[in-house]
Amino acid sequence: GHIVRNWKVRWFVLLQDKLLYYKIEGGKKEPSPKGRILLDGCTITCPCLEYENRPLLIKLKTKTNTDYFLECCSREERDSWALDITGAIHAGHPVQVQELHRMKNSFKLLENISLHHIVERMCDSSSGIKLTRNLQQGNRYKETFTGSALVDWLISNSFAVSRFEAVTLASMLMEENFLKPVGARSTEATRYSDLSEQFLDDSTALYMFAESSKKNISSKEELQFNISELSGTIVKQGFLVKQGHKRKNWKVRRFVLRADPAFLHYYDPTKEENRPVGGFSLRGCLVSALEDNGVPAGVKGNVQGNLFKIITKNDIHYYIQASSKAERAQWIEAIKPLT
């Protein structure tokens, strides 16, 4: 409410240029609207985390700087309303509407992302993620947060633009031992090796900070690289998932493809410094897509789909997973001319 700041149930109707809301009496909406929100010039914030105990909010700010806070019944309903309202706000700009739908399932993390920085922000006492006590299957967990709460926080703090992207980022935090699952729901999900299935965007899945979240990476782990191999022109870069050579586990790495000389390097996003943790010359390499109908030979874990393989001239095999078939094809097409 605008005068008395209480919360009341209203029936909403979205039109092309306005959002109408009606009072409900006796289980039925009244024939005339109680009020309206003009969408021309509106800005929308979703998720909106201004009310700690109301995680399902949408905030609308009109061009006259009037704030409206709307609470939905579920995360799915909130996101559906937010997408439709945003589409109505930009109804006169079809290109923007298409871009909004594309971003809903986008996958383009920040190029110079620092997981250490994200965790520091998460731990901030005023603007970080809120830690709560949770009871699950008779067990009481202290200082936890839900999967959906973390996804909301990552989006609201501009670390991701879509839920799919935020889930991928949260999986990176968990894979690098900054976060750990607690309780049966989230722990069971970690048995999947596919990055997209390890972290759950769910209000019943619990997570907490791992004790090793403030780990310091030893300088002994750093590899030395010739300056010349890092001097080539960057042809393509982005986040991919790579199988390790020793433990055969899967970790997110930022890959950078360079030409003249032709090298492919990969970086650990948990490290502050911009130094590769691995890389190889592409001369004499073979690159190919792997079938999506099972776990190929040489691949460990329950990971399948969007995989490709690079074999170096020294017969070292690299298994890499892209986020989509289209992305896999783009990387293969970029690498082939440099081999």
Foldseek 3Di string as FASTA:
>chain_A
DVPPPDDDDWDWDDDLFKIFTFDDDPNHTDPDTPDMGGLAQKDKDPPDPPDVVQRQWIWIQHPVRDIDIDGDDDNVVSVVVVLVSVCSSCVVPVVVNVVSVQQQQDAAFDQQAALLVLLVQLPDPPLHQDFAWDADPNDIDGGKAALLSQLRSCCNVPRGVYSQNSLLVVLQCVVVQQKDWDDDPLVVQCLAQASSRNGDSDRPTMMHGGPCNVPDDDPVLADDDDVQVVPFDWDDKGWWWWQDPPPRGIHIWIWTFGVPPTKIFTCRSNDNDPGTSDMDGLVPKDKDADDQPAADPPHDGNDGDQWMWIAHPVRDIIIIHDPHVVVSVVVCVSSVVND
